[in-house]
Amino acid sequence: MKTEMRIILLTIANLLIFTVQVIFAHDLVWPGEKLKTLYPQAESFEQKNLYVSDEQRSHIEKMLGIRLPEEDLKPSIYLAVVRSGPDSTPRKAGAIMFIDAYGEAGKIEMGVVVSVKGEIMKVHIFENSESPKVTQQPFLRQFEGKKASDPFGVGKDISAPSGTEKSGQAIASGARRGLIIINEMFRKK
């Protein structure tokens, strides 16, 4: 009886730990609907749980000019799998990463899609306490085709809606961070 009780208590403790982890990390739960929003033509998605090495971290931080947040040191990157026809071989067409940026009003949860060429295909805002203007397509479309070497600067190559310059820069910086991390993690050595 004591052994059965111990097993039950351990199971409950493990469930509680898992539940707490799920509450605090958006990438521990399969984000199926969000992935479909970001890459609707994909037939499936493959999750890669990666670790940023010290060398990769150094390279990413040098490109960004800032220290990489701890949450980005173990990124979950999702590969979009597509087919050009019903009898064609599936291929990976893009990589997706969820990024948290911080604007004046708080956290901005966004998804960044990067093509196999290493350019941004799409940026989408999922959670946002900033002005709704920064979730609109005229603003977000500016990121399409951007490369890691682009400045991603409001007033340079990005135009933010009036009054949302700081929020716009937070989103631009987050998009660039996602792009650089994806490119670094899949860089051919």
N, C-alpha and C. Protein backbone atom coordinates (compact mmCIF):
# COMPACT_ATOMS: atom_id res chain seq x y z
N MET A 1 0.82 -1.20 0.00
CA MET A 1 0.00 0.00 0.00
C MET A 1 0.86 1.26 0.00
N LYS A 2 1.96 1.26 0.78
CA LYS A 2 2.83 2.42 0.84
C LYS A 2 3.48 2.67 -0.51
N THR A 3 3.85 1.61 -1.22
CA THR A 3 4.47 1.76 -2.54
C THR A 3 3.48 2.38 -3.53
N GLU A 4 2.24 1.92 -3.50
CA GLU A 4 1.21 2.47 -4.40
C GLU A 4 0.98 3.96 -4.10
N MET A 5 0.93 4.30 -2.84
CA MET A 5 0.73 5.70 -2.43
C MET A 5 1.92 6.56 -2.89
N ARG A 6 3.12 6.04 -2.74
CA ARG A 6 4.32 6.76 -3.16
C ARG A 6 4.28 7.00 -4.68
N ILE A 7 3.88 6.00 -5.45
CA ILE A 7 3.78 6.13 -6.91
C ILE A 7 2.74 7.19 -7.27
N ILE A 8 1.61 7.17 -6.60
CA ILE A 8 0.56 8.15 -6.86
C ILE A 8 1.06 9.56 -6.55
N LEU A 9 1.73 9.74 -5.41
CA LEU A 9 2.25 11.06 -5.04
C LEU A 9 3.32 11.54 -6.01
N LEU A 10 4.20 10.65 -6.45
CA LEU A 10 5.22 11.02 -7.44
C LEU A 10 4.58 11.41 -8.76
N THR A 11 3.56 10.70 -9.18
CA THR A 11 2.85 11.02 -10.42
C THR A 11 2.20 12.40 -10.33
N ILE A 12 1.57 12.68 -9.21
CA ILE A 12 0.94 13.99 -9.01
C ILE A 12 2.00 15.08 -9.01
N ALA A 13 3.11 14.85 -8.33
CA ALA A 13 4.19 15.84 -8.30
C ALA A 13 4.73 16.11 -9.70
N ASN A 14 4.93 15.07 -10.49
CA ASN A 14 5.40 15.24 -11.86
C ASN A 14 4.41 16.01 -12.71
N LEU A 15 3.13 15.72 -12.54
CA LEU A 15 2.10 16.45 -13.29
C LEU A 15 2.10 17.94 -12.92
N LEU A 16 2.26 18.24 -11.63
CA LEU A 16 2.31 19.63 -11.19
C LEU A 16 3.53 20.35 -11.77
N ILE A 17 4.68 19.70 -11.76
CA ILE A 17 5.89 20.31 -12.33
C ILE A 17 5.67 20.57 -13.81
N PHE A 18 5.13 19.60 -14.55
CA PHE A 18 4.88 19.79 -15.98
C PHE A 18 3.91 20.93 -16.22
N THR A 19 2.85 21.00 -15.42
CA THR A 19 1.85 22.06 -15.58
C THR A 19 2.47 23.43 -15.37
N VAL A 20 3.31 23.58 -14.34
CA VAL A 20 3.97 24.86 -14.08
C VAL A 20 4.88 25.22 -15.25
N GLN A 21 5.61 24.24 -15.80
CA GLN A 21 6.48 24.50 -16.94
C GLN A 21 5.66 24.97 -18.14
N VAL A 22 4.53 24.35 -18.39
CA VAL A 22 3.68 24.72 -19.53
C VAL A 22 3.17 26.15 -19.38
N ILE A 23 2.83 26.54 -18.17
CA ILE A 23 2.31 27.89 -17.94
C ILE A 23 3.36 28.94 -18.26
N PHE A 24 4.63 28.67 -17.97
CA PHE A 24 5.67 29.68 -18.12
C PHE A 24 6.46 29.61 -19.41
N ALA A 25 6.26 28.62 -20.25
CA ALA A 25 7.01 28.53 -21.50
C ALA A 25 6.07 28.21 -22.65
N HIS A 26 5.95 29.17 -23.58
CA HIS A 26 4.98 28.99 -24.66
C HIS A 26 5.38 27.91 -25.64
N ASP A 27 6.63 27.47 -25.66
CA ASP A 27 7.03 26.47 -26.63
C ASP A 27 7.00 25.04 -26.10
N LEU A 28 6.47 24.81 -24.90
CA LEU A 28 6.34 23.46 -24.38
C LEU A 28 5.02 22.81 -24.79
N VAL A 29 4.10 23.58 -25.29
CA VAL A 29 2.82 23.08 -25.77
C VAL A 29 2.84 23.20 -27.29
N TRP A 30 2.38 22.16 -27.99
CA TRP A 30 2.40 22.18 -29.45
C TRP A 30 1.57 23.36 -29.96
N PRO A 31 2.21 24.29 -30.66
CA PRO A 31 1.52 25.50 -31.12
C PRO A 31 0.90 25.35 -32.51
N GLY A 32 0.14 24.29 -32.70
CA GLY A 32 -0.41 23.97 -34.02
C GLY A 32 -1.14 25.09 -34.72
N GLU A 33 -2.05 25.75 -34.02
CA GLU A 33 -2.83 26.83 -34.64
C GLU A 33 -1.94 28.01 -35.01
N LYS A 34 -1.00 28.33 -34.15
CA LYS A 34 -0.08 29.44 -34.44
C LYS A 34 0.80 29.11 -35.64
N LEU A 35 1.26 27.87 -35.73
CA LEU A 35 2.09 27.46 -36.86
C LEU A 35 1.30 27.56 -38.16
N LYS A 36 0.04 27.13 -38.13
CA LYS A 36 -0.81 27.21 -39.34
C LYS A 36 -1.07 28.67 -39.73
N THR A 37 -1.16 29.55 -38.76
CA THR A 37 -1.33 30.98 -39.05
C THR A 37 -0.08 31.51 -39.76
N LEU A 38 1.08 31.06 -39.31
CA LEU A 38 2.34 31.54 -39.87
C LEU A 38 2.67 30.92 -41.23
N TYR A 39 2.31 29.67 -41.43
CA TYR A 39 2.66 28.98 -42.68
C TYR A 39 1.48 28.09 -43.09
N PRO A 40 0.38 28.70 -43.58
CA PRO A 40 -0.85 27.93 -43.85
C PRO A 40 -0.71 26.85 -44.93
N GLN A 41 0.23 26.99 -45.85
CA GLN A 41 0.37 26.01 -46.92
C GLN A 41 1.16 24.76 -46.50
N ALA A 42 1.70 24.74 -45.29
CA ALA A 42 2.46 23.57 -44.82
C ALA A 42 1.51 22.42 -44.53
N GLU A 43 1.95 21.23 -44.89
CA GLU A 43 1.13 20.05 -44.59
C GLU A 43 1.45 19.50 -43.20
N SER A 44 2.66 19.82 -42.71
CA SER A 44 3.03 19.42 -41.36
C SER A 44 4.21 20.28 -40.89
N PHE A 45 4.56 20.11 -39.63
CA PHE A 45 5.66 20.86 -39.03
C PHE A 45 6.53 19.89 -38.23
N GLU A 46 7.83 20.13 -38.28
CA GLU A 46 8.79 19.32 -37.54
C GLU A 46 9.45 20.21 -36.50
N GLN A 47 9.40 19.80 -35.24
CA GLN A 47 9.97 20.60 -34.15
C GLN A 47 11.42 20.19 -33.91
N LYS A 48 12.28 21.20 -33.79
CA LYS A 48 13.69 21.00 -33.45
C LYS A 48 13.97 21.76 -32.17
N ASN A 49 14.28 21.03 -31.11
CA ASN A 49 14.67 21.65 -29.84
C ASN A 49 16.19 21.73 -29.85
N LEU A 50 16.72 22.93 -29.91
CA LEU A 50 18.14 23.13 -30.13
C LEU A 50 18.81 23.77 -28.92
N TYR A 51 20.12 23.75 -28.93
CA TYR A 51 20.93 24.38 -27.90
C TYR A 51 21.93 25.29 -28.59
N VAL A 52 22.01 26.52 -28.16
CA VAL A 52 22.95 27.47 -28.71
C VAL A 52 24.30 27.24 -28.04
N SER A 53 25.32 26.90 -28.83
CA SER A 53 26.65 26.68 -28.27
C SER A 53 27.27 28.02 -27.88
N ASP A 54 28.35 27.98 -27.13
CA ASP A 54 29.04 29.22 -26.76
C ASP A 54 29.52 29.97 -28.00
N GLU A 55 30.00 29.23 -28.99
CA GLU A 55 30.46 29.85 -30.24
C GLU A 55 29.30 30.51 -30.98
N GLN A 56 28.18 29.81 -31.07
CA GLN A 56 27.00 30.37 -31.73
C GLN A 56 26.49 31.59 -30.98
N ARG A 57 26.47 31.50 -29.65
CA ARG A 57 26.00 32.62 -28.84
C ARG A 57 26.86 33.85 -29.09
N SER A 58 28.17 33.66 -29.11
CA SER A 58 29.09 34.76 -29.34
C SER A 58 28.83 35.41 -30.70
N HIS A 59 28.63 34.57 -31.71
CA HIS A 59 28.37 35.09 -33.06
C HIS A 59 27.04 35.84 -33.13
N ILE A 60 26.00 35.26 -32.53
CA ILE A 60 24.67 35.90 -32.53
C ILE A 60 24.73 37.24 -31.79
N GLU A 61 25.34 37.24 -30.62
CA GLU A 61 25.42 38.48 -29.83
C GLU A 61 26.24 39.55 -30.54
N LYS A 62 27.28 39.15 -31.25
CA LYS A 62 28.06 40.12 -32.01
C LYS A 62 27.21 40.74 -33.11
N MET A 63 26.42 39.93 -33.80
CA MET A 63 25.55 40.44 -34.87
C MET A 63 24.45 41.35 -34.31
N LEU A 64 23.88 40.95 -33.16
CA LEU A 64 22.79 41.72 -32.57
C LEU A 64 23.27 42.97 -31.85
N GLY A 65 24.48 42.90 -31.29
CA GLY A 65 24.98 44.01 -30.50
C GLY A 65 24.40 44.05 -29.10
N ILE A 66 23.75 42.95 -28.69
CA ILE A 66 23.18 42.84 -27.35
C ILE A 66 23.38 41.41 -26.85
N ARG A 67 23.18 41.24 -25.55
CA ARG A 67 23.26 39.91 -24.94
C ARG A 67 21.99 39.14 -25.28
N LEU A 68 22.13 37.88 -25.62
CA LEU A 68 21.00 37.03 -25.98
C LEU A 68 20.21 36.67 -24.72
N PRO A 69 18.88 36.83 -24.72
CA PRO A 69 18.08 36.45 -23.56
C PRO A 69 18.22 34.95 -23.27
N GLU A 70 18.18 34.59 -22.01
CA GLU A 70 18.32 33.18 -21.60
C GLU A 70 17.33 32.27 -22.32
N GLU A 71 16.10 32.76 -22.51
CA GLU A 71 15.07 31.93 -23.15
C GLU A 71 15.43 31.56 -24.58
N ASP A 72 16.32 32.31 -25.22
CA ASP A 72 16.71 32.03 -26.60
C ASP A 72 17.90 31.07 -26.69
N LEU A 73 18.45 30.64 -25.56
CA LEU A 73 19.61 29.74 -25.60
C LEU A 73 19.20 28.29 -25.88
N LYS A 74 17.91 27.99 -25.72
CA LYS A 74 17.38 26.66 -26.03
C LYS A 74 16.14 26.84 -26.91
N PRO A 75 16.36 27.32 -28.14
CA PRO A 75 15.19 27.63 -28.98
C PRO A 75 14.49 26.38 -29.52
N SER A 76 13.19 26.47 -29.63
CA SER A 76 12.40 25.49 -30.36
C SER A 76 12.12 26.13 -31.71
N ILE A 77 12.59 25.47 -32.75
CA ILE A 77 12.39 25.97 -34.11
C ILE A 77 11.56 24.93 -34.84
N TYR A 78 10.58 25.40 -35.58
CA TYR A 78 9.64 24.52 -36.28
C TYR A 78 9.90 24.64 -37.78
N LEU A 79 10.08 23.49 -38.43
CA LEU A 79 10.31 23.47 -39.86
C LEU A 79 8.99 23.18 -40.57
N ALA A 80 8.62 24.03 -41.52
CA ALA A 80 7.39 23.85 -42.29
C ALA A 80 7.67 22.88 -43.43
N VAL A 81 6.87 21.82 -43.51
CA VAL A 81 7.02 20.80 -44.54
C VAL A 81 5.91 21.01 -45.58
N VAL A 82 6.32 21.12 -46.84
CA VAL A 82 5.37 21.35 -47.93
C VAL A 82 5.61 20.34 -49.05
N ARG A 83 4.64 20.24 -49.95
CA ARG A 83 4.76 19.44 -51.18
C ARG A 83 4.31 20.33 -52.33
N SER A 84 4.97 20.21 -53.46
CA SER A 84 4.56 21.00 -54.63
C SER A 84 3.40 20.33 -55.36
N GLY A 85 3.16 19.07 -55.10
CA GLY A 85 2.04 18.34 -55.70
C GLY A 85 1.76 17.10 -54.88
N PRO A 86 0.61 16.43 -55.13
CA PRO A 86 0.23 15.28 -54.31
C PRO A 86 1.23 14.12 -54.36
N ASP A 87 1.95 13.96 -55.47
CA ASP A 87 2.90 12.86 -55.60
C ASP A 87 4.35 13.29 -55.38
N SER A 88 4.55 14.55 -55.04
CA SER A 88 5.92 15.04 -54.86
C SER A 88 6.46 14.70 -53.47
N THR A 89 7.76 14.73 -53.37
CA THR A 89 8.44 14.46 -52.11
C THR A 89 8.29 15.67 -51.18
N PRO A 90 7.99 15.43 -49.91
CA PRO A 90 7.90 16.56 -48.97
C PRO A 90 9.28 17.22 -48.81
N ARG A 91 9.25 18.54 -48.63
CA ARG A 91 10.50 19.27 -48.42
C ARG A 91 10.27 20.34 -47.36
N LYS A 92 11.37 20.71 -46.70
CA LYS A 92 11.30 21.76 -45.69
C LYS A 92 11.44 23.10 -46.40
N ALA A 93 10.45 23.97 -46.19
CA ALA A 93 10.40 25.23 -46.94
C ALA A 93 10.64 26.47 -46.10
N GLY A 94 10.65 26.34 -44.81
CA GLY A 94 10.85 27.50 -43.96
C GLY A 94 11.01 27.08 -42.51
N ALA A 95 11.58 27.98 -41.73
CA ALA A 95 11.77 27.74 -40.30
C ALA A 95 11.01 28.81 -39.52
N ILE A 96 10.42 28.42 -38.42
CA ILE A 96 9.58 29.31 -37.61
C ILE A 96 10.11 29.33 -36.18
N MET A 97 10.16 30.52 -35.62
CA MET A 97 10.55 30.67 -34.22
C MET A 97 9.63 31.67 -33.56
N PHE A 98 9.26 31.39 -32.33
CA PHE A 98 8.47 32.34 -31.55
C PHE A 98 9.43 33.16 -30.71
N ILE A 99 9.24 34.46 -30.73
CA ILE A 99 10.13 35.41 -30.05
C ILE A 99 9.30 36.29 -29.12
N ASP A 100 9.83 36.57 -27.96
CA ASP A 100 9.21 37.56 -27.07
C ASP A 100 10.04 38.83 -27.16
N ALA A 101 9.36 39.92 -27.50
CA ALA A 101 9.99 41.24 -27.50
C ALA A 101 9.28 42.05 -26.41
N TYR A 102 9.87 43.16 -26.01
CA TYR A 102 9.27 43.96 -24.96
C TYR A 102 9.19 45.41 -25.40
N GLY A 103 7.95 45.91 -25.48
CA GLY A 103 7.71 47.30 -25.84
C GLY A 103 7.41 48.11 -24.59
N GLU A 104 6.90 49.30 -24.80
CA GLU A 104 6.58 50.18 -23.67
C GLU A 104 5.50 49.61 -22.76
N ALA A 105 4.55 48.87 -23.36
CA ALA A 105 3.41 48.37 -22.58
C ALA A 105 3.59 46.92 -22.13
N GLY A 106 4.72 46.30 -22.45
CA GLY A 106 4.93 44.93 -21.99
C GLY A 106 5.34 43.98 -23.09
N LYS A 107 5.05 42.70 -22.86
CA LYS A 107 5.50 41.63 -23.74
C LYS A 107 4.74 41.63 -25.06
N ILE A 108 5.51 41.36 -26.12
CA ILE A 108 4.95 41.19 -27.47
C ILE A 108 5.39 39.80 -27.91
N GLU A 109 4.43 38.87 -28.04
CA GLU A 109 4.76 37.53 -28.52
C GLU A 109 4.57 37.51 -30.02
N MET A 110 5.63 37.14 -30.72
CA MET A 110 5.57 37.16 -32.17
C MET A 110 6.14 35.88 -32.76
N GLY A 111 5.73 35.60 -33.99
CA GLY A 111 6.28 34.48 -34.74
C GLY A 111 7.04 35.04 -35.93
N VAL A 112 8.21 34.45 -36.20
CA VAL A 112 9.05 34.87 -37.32
C VAL A 112 9.25 33.65 -38.22
N VAL A 113 8.96 33.81 -39.51
CA VAL A 113 9.16 32.74 -40.49
C VAL A 113 10.34 33.13 -41.37
N VAL A 114 11.29 32.22 -41.52
CA VAL A 114 12.50 32.47 -42.30
C VAL A 114 12.56 31.44 -43.44
N SER A 115 12.85 31.92 -44.64
CA SER A 115 12.94 31.05 -45.81
C SER A 115 14.24 30.25 -45.80
N VAL A 116 14.33 29.27 -46.70
CA VAL A 116 15.56 28.49 -46.82
C VAL A 116 16.71 29.36 -47.33
N LYS A 117 16.40 30.52 -47.89
CA LYS A 117 17.43 31.47 -48.33
C LYS A 117 17.95 32.33 -47.17
N GLY A 118 17.32 32.21 -46.00
CA GLY A 118 17.75 32.98 -44.84
C GLY A 118 17.16 34.38 -44.79
N GLU A 119 15.99 34.57 -45.39
CA GLU A 119 15.30 35.87 -45.38
C GLU A 119 13.96 35.72 -44.67
N ILE A 120 13.49 36.81 -44.09
CA ILE A 120 12.19 36.77 -43.43
C ILE A 120 11.08 36.64 -44.48
N MET A 121 10.20 35.69 -44.22
CA MET A 121 9.02 35.49 -45.07
C MET A 121 7.79 36.17 -44.47
N LYS A 122 7.74 36.13 -43.11
CA LYS A 122 6.54 36.65 -42.45
C LYS A 122 6.85 36.92 -40.98
N VAL A 123 6.21 37.96 -40.46
CA VAL A 123 6.21 38.26 -39.03
C VAL A 123 4.75 38.41 -38.63
N HIS A 124 4.38 37.76 -37.53
CA HIS A 124 3.00 37.84 -37.05
C HIS A 124 3.04 38.10 -35.54
N ILE A 125 2.16 38.98 -35.08
CA ILE A 125 2.06 39.29 -33.66
C ILE A 125 0.90 38.49 -33.07
N PHE A 126 1.19 37.70 -32.02
CA PHE A 126 0.16 36.90 -31.37
C PHE A 126 -0.38 37.56 -30.12
N GLU A 127 0.49 38.02 -29.25
CA GLU A 127 0.06 38.71 -28.03
C GLU A 127 0.72 40.07 -28.01
N ASN A 128 -0.06 41.08 -27.64
CA ASN A 128 0.46 42.43 -27.73
C ASN A 128 -0.30 43.36 -26.81
N SER A 129 0.43 44.10 -26.01
CA SER A 129 -0.19 45.12 -25.16
C SER A 129 0.05 46.51 -25.73
N GLU A 130 0.74 46.56 -26.86
CA GLU A 130 1.05 47.84 -27.51
C GLU A 130 -0.15 48.27 -28.37
N SER A 131 0.02 49.31 -29.12
CA SER A 131 -1.03 49.79 -30.02
C SER A 131 -1.36 48.71 -31.06
N PRO A 132 -2.63 48.54 -31.37
CA PRO A 132 -3.00 47.57 -32.40
C PRO A 132 -2.44 47.94 -33.79
N LYS A 133 -1.99 49.17 -33.94
CA LYS A 133 -1.42 49.60 -35.23
C LYS A 133 -0.22 48.74 -35.62
N VAL A 134 0.54 48.24 -34.64
CA VAL A 134 1.73 47.47 -34.97
C VAL A 134 1.43 46.02 -35.34
N THR A 135 0.15 45.62 -35.26
CA THR A 135 -0.23 44.27 -35.68
C THR A 135 -0.79 44.26 -37.10
N GLN A 136 -0.91 45.42 -37.69
CA GLN A 136 -1.53 45.55 -39.02
C GLN A 136 -0.54 45.18 -40.13
N GLN A 137 -1.06 44.64 -41.22
CA GLN A 137 -0.22 44.17 -42.32
C GLN A 137 0.66 45.23 -42.96
N PRO A 138 0.21 46.47 -43.15
CA PRO A 138 1.13 47.45 -43.77
C PRO A 138 2.44 47.59 -42.99
N PHE A 139 2.38 47.51 -41.67
CA PHE A 139 3.59 47.58 -40.87
C PHE A 139 4.38 46.26 -40.96
N LEU A 140 3.72 45.13 -40.75
CA LEU A 140 4.40 43.84 -40.68
C LEU A 140 4.97 43.39 -42.03
N ARG A 141 4.34 43.77 -43.13
CA ARG A 141 4.84 43.39 -44.46
C ARG A 141 6.22 43.95 -44.76
N GLN A 142 6.61 45.00 -44.08
CA GLN A 142 7.93 45.61 -44.30
C GLN A 142 9.07 44.65 -43.99
N PHE A 143 8.81 43.64 -43.18
CA PHE A 143 9.86 42.71 -42.79
C PHE A 143 10.12 41.63 -43.84
N GLU A 144 9.16 41.42 -44.72
CA GLU A 144 9.29 40.36 -45.73
C GLU A 144 10.48 40.64 -46.64
N GLY A 145 11.33 39.65 -46.80
CA GLY A 145 12.51 39.76 -47.64
C GLY A 145 13.73 40.33 -46.92
N LYS A 146 13.58 40.73 -45.67
CA LYS A 146 14.71 41.28 -44.92
C LYS A 146 15.76 40.20 -44.64
N LYS A 147 17.02 40.62 -44.70
CA LYS A 147 18.16 39.75 -44.41
C LYS A 147 18.78 40.20 -43.09
N ALA A 148 19.60 39.34 -42.51
CA ALA A 148 20.24 39.67 -41.23
C ALA A 148 21.12 40.91 -41.34
N SER A 149 21.62 41.20 -42.52
CA SER A 149 22.50 42.36 -42.71
C SER A 149 21.73 43.68 -42.81
N ASP A 150 20.40 43.62 -42.92
CA ASP A 150 19.59 44.84 -42.97
C ASP A 150 19.56 45.48 -41.58
N PRO A 151 19.39 46.82 -41.52
CA PRO A 151 19.45 47.52 -40.22
C PRO A 151 18.29 47.23 -39.28
N PHE A 152 17.08 46.94 -39.78
CA PHE A 152 15.89 46.73 -38.94
C PHE A 152 15.71 47.92 -37.99
N GLY A 153 15.84 49.11 -38.52
CA GLY A 153 15.74 50.30 -37.70
C GLY A 153 14.55 51.16 -38.08
N VAL A 154 13.74 51.51 -37.09
CA VAL A 154 12.63 52.43 -37.34
C VAL A 154 13.26 53.78 -37.71
N GLY A 155 12.81 54.33 -38.82
CA GLY A 155 13.38 55.57 -39.34
C GLY A 155 14.49 55.31 -40.34
N LYS A 156 14.94 54.06 -40.45
CA LYS A 156 15.96 53.69 -41.44
C LYS A 156 15.29 52.88 -42.55
N ASP A 157 15.08 51.61 -42.29
CA ASP A 157 14.44 50.75 -43.29
C ASP A 157 13.05 50.27 -42.86
N ILE A 158 12.59 50.72 -41.71
CA ILE A 158 11.26 50.37 -41.18
C ILE A 158 10.53 51.66 -40.83
N SER A 159 9.28 51.75 -41.27
CA SER A 159 8.42 52.88 -40.91
C SER A 159 7.35 52.39 -39.95
N ALA A 160 7.36 52.93 -38.75
CA ALA A 160 6.35 52.56 -37.75
C ALA A 160 5.18 53.53 -37.85
N PRO A 161 3.97 53.05 -37.57
CA PRO A 161 2.84 53.97 -37.53
C PRO A 161 3.09 55.08 -36.51
N SER A 162 2.57 56.25 -36.78
CA SER A 162 2.77 57.41 -35.91
C SER A 162 2.42 57.09 -34.46
N GLY A 163 3.34 57.43 -33.56
CA GLY A 163 3.12 57.20 -32.14
C GLY A 163 3.51 55.82 -31.66
N THR A 164 3.97 54.95 -32.57
CA THR A 164 4.32 53.58 -32.17
C THR A 164 5.80 53.28 -32.46
N GLU A 165 6.61 54.29 -32.50
CA GLU A 165 8.01 54.11 -32.89
C GLU A 165 8.75 53.15 -31.95
N LYS A 166 8.56 53.28 -30.64
CA LYS A 166 9.26 52.40 -29.70
C LYS A 166 8.75 50.96 -29.81
N SER A 167 7.45 50.81 -29.94
CA SER A 167 6.88 49.47 -30.12
C SER A 167 7.35 48.88 -31.44
N GLY A 168 7.35 49.69 -32.48
CA GLY A 168 7.81 49.25 -33.79
C GLY A 168 9.25 48.78 -33.75
N GLN A 169 10.09 49.51 -33.01
CA GLN A 169 11.50 49.11 -32.90
C GLN A 169 11.65 47.82 -32.11
N ALA A 170 10.82 47.63 -31.08
CA ALA A 170 10.86 46.38 -30.31
C ALA A 170 10.52 45.20 -31.21
N ILE A 171 9.52 45.36 -32.07
CA ILE A 171 9.13 44.30 -32.99
C ILE A 171 10.22 44.07 -34.03
N ALA A 172 10.78 45.15 -34.56
CA ALA A 172 11.86 45.02 -35.54
C ALA A 172 13.06 44.29 -34.94
N SER A 173 13.42 44.66 -33.73
CA SER A 173 14.56 44.01 -33.06
C SER A 173 14.26 42.53 -32.79
N GLY A 174 13.03 42.22 -32.39
CA GLY A 174 12.64 40.82 -32.16
C GLY A 174 12.67 40.01 -33.45
N ALA A 175 12.18 40.60 -34.53
CA ALA A 175 12.19 39.92 -35.83
C ALA A 175 13.63 39.62 -36.26
N ARG A 176 14.49 40.59 -36.10
CA ARG A 176 15.90 40.41 -36.48
C ARG A 176 16.56 39.34 -35.59
N ARG A 177 16.24 39.34 -34.30
CA ARG A 177 16.79 38.34 -33.39
C ARG A 177 16.38 36.94 -33.82
N GLY A 178 15.09 36.75 -34.15
CA GLY A 178 14.62 35.44 -34.61
C GLY A 178 15.32 35.02 -35.90
N LEU A 179 15.45 35.95 -36.83
CA LEU A 179 16.11 35.67 -38.10
C LEU A 179 17.56 35.23 -37.88
N ILE A 180 18.28 35.98 -37.06
CA ILE A 180 19.70 35.67 -36.83
C ILE A 180 19.86 34.34 -36.10
N ILE A 181 19.01 34.06 -35.13
CA ILE A 181 19.09 32.78 -34.40
C ILE A 181 18.84 31.62 -35.36
N ILE A 182 17.78 31.71 -36.15
CA ILE A 182 17.47 30.63 -37.11
C ILE A 182 18.63 30.45 -38.09
N ASN A 183 19.11 31.55 -38.65
CA ASN A 183 20.22 31.44 -39.60
C ASN A 183 21.46 30.81 -38.96
N GLU A 184 21.75 31.19 -37.73
CA GLU A 184 22.93 30.65 -37.05
C GLU A 184 22.76 29.17 -36.75
N MET A 185 21.58 28.76 -36.32
CA MET A 185 21.36 27.38 -35.92
C MET A 185 21.39 26.43 -37.13
N PHE A 186 21.07 26.94 -38.32
CA PHE A 186 21.05 26.09 -39.50
C PHE A 186 22.16 26.43 -40.50
N ARG A 187 23.13 27.21 -40.03
CA ARG A 187 24.25 27.62 -40.88
C ARG A 187 25.07 26.39 -41.23
N LYS A 188 25.44 26.34 -42.49
CA LYS A 188 26.31 25.25 -42.94
C LYS A 188 27.71 25.52 -42.44
N LYS A 189 28.29 24.55 -41.81
CA LYS A 189 29.64 24.71 -41.22
C LYS A 189 30.71 24.31 -42.21
